C-alpha atoms as a PDB file:
ATOM      1  CA  LEU A   1      11.652   5.828  34.740  1.00  0.00           C
ATOM      2  CA  ALA A   2      10.547   3.555  37.238  1.00  0.00           C
ATOM      3  CA  MET A   3      12.313   0.255  38.525  1.00  0.00           C
ATOM      4  CA  GLU A   4      11.910  -2.278  41.519  1.00  0.00           C
ATOM      5  CA  VAL A   5      13.773  -5.552  42.012  1.00  0.00           C
ATOM      6  CA  LEU A   6      12.666  -8.070  44.372  1.00  0.00           C
ATOM      7  CA  ASP A   7      14.527 -10.793  46.018  1.00  0.00           C
ATOM      8  CA  ALA A   8      13.235 -14.186  44.827  1.00  0.00           C
ATOM      9  CA  VAL A   9      13.285 -15.963  47.848  1.00  0.00           C
ATOM     10  CA  THR A  10      11.667 -13.343  50.255  1.00  0.00           C
ATOM     11  CA  GLY A  11       9.717 -10.916  47.780  1.00  0.00           C
ATOM     12  CA  LYS A  12      11.127  -7.992  49.610  1.00  0.00           C
ATOM     13  CA  PRO A  13      12.524  -4.927  47.653  1.00  0.00           C
ATOM     14  CA  VAL A  14      16.130  -5.041  46.947  1.00  0.00           C
ATOM     15  CA  PHE A  15      16.254  -1.947  44.856  1.00  0.00           C
ATOM     16  CA  SER A  16      13.557   0.560  44.091  1.00  0.00           C
ATOM     17  CA  TYR A  17      13.135   3.606  41.946  1.00  0.00           C
ATOM     18  CA  ASN A  18       9.889   5.334  41.636  1.00  0.00           C
ATOM     19  CA  ALA A  19       8.055   2.284  42.134  1.00  0.00           C
ATOM     20  CA  GLN A  20       4.921   3.709  42.843  1.00  0.00           C
ATOM     21  CA  LYS A  21       5.025   5.747  39.626  1.00  0.00           C
ATOM     22  CA  LEU A  22       2.556   4.530  37.162  1.00  0.00           C
ATOM     23  CA  MET A  23       4.395   3.467  33.802  1.00  0.00           C
ATOM     24  CA  VAL A  24       3.063   2.043  30.700  1.00  0.00           C
ATOM     25  CA  PRO A  25       4.479  -1.991  30.925  1.00  0.00           C
ATOM     26  CA  ALA A  26       6.676  -3.261  27.982  1.00  0.00           C
ATOM     27  CA  SER A  27       7.809  -6.629  27.145  1.00  0.00           C
ATOM     28  CA  THR A  28      11.167  -7.973  27.028  1.00  0.00           C
ATOM     29  CA  GLN A  29      10.925  -8.292  23.451  1.00  0.00           C
ATOM     30  CA  LYS A  30       9.768  -4.178  22.934  1.00  0.00           C
ATOM     31  CA  LEU A  31      12.822  -3.414  25.441  1.00  0.00           C
ATOM     32  CA  LEU A  32      15.205  -5.409  23.009  1.00  0.00           C
ATOM     33  CA  THR A  33      13.664  -4.078  20.012  1.00  0.00           C
ATOM     34  CA  ALA A  34      13.828  -0.362  21.801  1.00  0.00           C
ATOM     35  CA  SER A  35      17.468  -0.769  22.287  1.00  0.00           C
ATOM     36  CA  GLY A  36      18.271  -1.606  18.897  1.00  0.00           C
ATOM     37  CA  VAL A  37      16.286   1.372  17.592  1.00  0.00           C
ATOM     38  CA  LEU A  38      18.160   3.600  19.943  1.00  0.00           C
ATOM     39  CA  GLU A  39      21.666   2.109  18.871  1.00  0.00           C
ATOM     40  CA  LYS A  40      21.308   2.391  15.239  1.00  0.00           C
ATOM     41  CA  PHE A  41      19.252   5.715  15.031  1.00  0.00           C
ATOM     42  CA  GLY A  42      19.864   7.360  18.223  1.00  0.00           C
ATOM     43  CA  ALA A  43      17.481   8.926  21.145  1.00  0.00           C
ATOM     44  CA  ASP A  44      16.111  11.701  18.993  1.00  0.00           C
ATOM     45  CA  TYR A  45      14.597   9.565  16.321  1.00  0.00           C
ATOM     46  CA  ARG A  46      10.755   9.232  16.069  1.00  0.00           C
ATOM     47  CA  LEU A  47       8.520   6.946  13.920  1.00  0.00           C
ATOM     48  CA  LYS A  48       6.455   9.124  11.600  1.00  0.00           C
ATOM     49  CA  THR A  49       3.028   8.745   9.853  1.00  0.00           C
ATOM     50  CA  GLU A  50       3.139  10.322   6.804  1.00  0.00           C
ATOM     51  CA  PHE A  51      -0.163  11.666   5.051  1.00  0.00           C
ATOM     52  CA  ARG A  52      -0.126  12.553   1.394  1.00  0.00           C
ATOM     53  CA  VAL A  53      -3.236  13.469  -1.145  1.00  0.00           C
ATOM     54  CA  SER A  54      -3.035  12.724  -4.543  1.00  0.00           C
ATOM     55  CA  VAL A  55      -5.623  13.134  -7.448  1.00  0.00           C
ATOM     56  CA  SER A  56      -6.458  10.165  -9.962  1.00  0.00           C
ATOM     57  CA  SER A  57      -6.781  10.394 -13.394  1.00  0.00           C
ATOM     58  CA  SER A  58     -10.570  10.851 -12.875  1.00  0.00           C
ATOM     59  CA  GLY A  59     -10.271  13.575 -10.570  1.00  0.00           C
ATOM     60  CA  LYS A  60     -10.926  11.845  -7.541  1.00  0.00           C
ATOM     61  CA  ASN A  61      -8.770  13.010  -4.096  1.00  0.00           C
ATOM     62  CA  ILE A  62      -6.919  10.188  -2.394  1.00  0.00           C
ATOM     63  CA  LEU A  63      -5.405  10.286   1.133  1.00  0.00           C
ATOM     64  CA  TRP A  64      -2.416   8.020   1.303  1.00  0.00           C
ATOM     65  CA  ILE A  65      -1.427   7.023   5.116  1.00  0.00           C
ATOM     66  CA  ARG A  66       1.815   5.539   5.520  1.00  0.00           C
ATOM     67  CA  GLY A  67       3.082   4.515   8.989  1.00  0.00           C
ATOM     68  CA  ASN A  68       6.705   3.783   8.754  1.00  0.00           C
ATOM     69  CA  TYR A  69       6.655   0.850  11.224  1.00  0.00           C
ATOM     70  CA  ASP A  70       4.596   3.044  13.892  1.00  0.00           C
ATOM     71  CA  PRO A  71       1.734   0.637  14.770  1.00  0.00           C
ATOM     72  CA  THR A  72      -0.710   2.985  16.095  1.00  0.00           C
ATOM     73  CA  LEU A  73      -2.520   6.305  15.091  1.00  0.00           C
ATOM     74  CA  GLY A  74      -2.183   8.305  18.368  1.00  0.00           C
ATOM     75  CA  SER A  75      -2.921   7.163  22.261  1.00  0.00           C
ATOM     76  CA  SER A  76      -4.994   8.092  24.480  1.00  0.00           C
ATOM     77  CA  ARG A  77      -2.041   7.488  27.315  1.00  0.00           C
ATOM     78  CA  TRP A  78      -0.681  10.946  25.791  1.00  0.00           C
ATOM     79  CA  PRO A  79      -3.358  13.815  25.834  1.00  0.00           C
ATOM     80  CA  GLY A  80      -1.594  15.765  22.982  1.00  0.00           C
ATOM     81  CA  ASN A  81      -1.693  12.686  20.702  1.00  0.00           C
ATOM     82  CA  THR A  82      -4.767  11.214  20.951  1.00  0.00           C
ATOM     83  CA  ALA A  83      -6.199   9.803  17.776  1.00  0.00           C
ATOM     84  CA  LYS A  84      -8.970  12.294  17.845  1.00  0.00           C
ATOM     85  CA  ASN A  85      -6.287  15.219  18.021  1.00  0.00           C
ATOM     86  CA  ILE A  86      -4.377  13.721  14.998  1.00  0.00           C
ATOM     87  CA  ILE A  87      -7.842  13.589  13.076  1.00  0.00           C
ATOM     88  CA  THR A  88      -8.684  16.785  13.892  1.00  0.00           C
ATOM     89  CA  ASN A  89      -5.164  18.260  12.975  1.00  0.00           C
ATOM     90  CA  LEU A  90      -5.065  16.182   9.837  1.00  0.00           C
ATOM     91  CA  LEU A  91      -8.798  17.550   8.769  1.00  0.00           C
ATOM     92  CA  ALA A  92      -7.452  21.143   9.594  1.00  0.00           C
ATOM     93  CA  ALA A  93      -4.535  20.649   7.442  1.00  0.00           C
ATOM     94  CA  LEU A  94      -6.598  19.355   4.466  1.00  0.00           C
ATOM     95  CA  GLU A  95      -8.940  22.193   4.815  1.00  0.00           C
ATOM     96  CA  LYS A  96      -6.362  24.703   4.796  1.00  0.00           C
ATOM     97  CA  GLN A  97      -5.008  23.222   1.431  1.00  0.00           C
ATOM     98  CA  GLY A  98      -8.406  23.725   0.206  1.00  0.00           C
ATOM     99  CA  LEU A  99      -9.554  20.413  -0.093  1.00  0.00           C
ATOM    100  CA  GLN A 100     -13.321  19.667   0.737  1.00  0.00           C
ATOM    101  CA  MET A 101     -13.717  16.135  -0.068  1.00  0.00           C
ATOM    102  CA  ILE A 102     -11.616  12.858   0.037  1.00  0.00           C
ATOM    103  CA  ASP A 103     -13.009  10.112  -2.031  1.00  0.00           C
ATOM    104  CA  SER A 104     -10.846   7.108  -0.934  1.00  0.00           C
ATOM    105  CA  ILE A 105      -8.299   6.511   1.570  1.00  0.00           C
ATOM    106  CA  ILE A 106      -5.168   4.095   1.032  1.00  0.00           C
ATOM    107  CA  ILE A 107      -3.423   2.836   3.708  1.00  0.00           C
END
């Protein structure tokens, strides 16, 4: 958490907490949306992207990706959650299931 409140007339800080800490900026709308989600679902709730594989009637493997309101597939801001890491983990899980080929992807 970081915050700085400036006097509108002088521009001098009135309150400052971790003001020098690098943070990912958020718009007011995001803050309102986040507060609504926190109130409704609680602080432990997480958006989850689901991956599922099915086999079509012609024997083709279909990878289904369902975002569940998650607008991203990873982020470079969090090293353990990059798109590359997510794809690497997905491929490892598919290989573990014995899948060697995905014929279609449906998002």
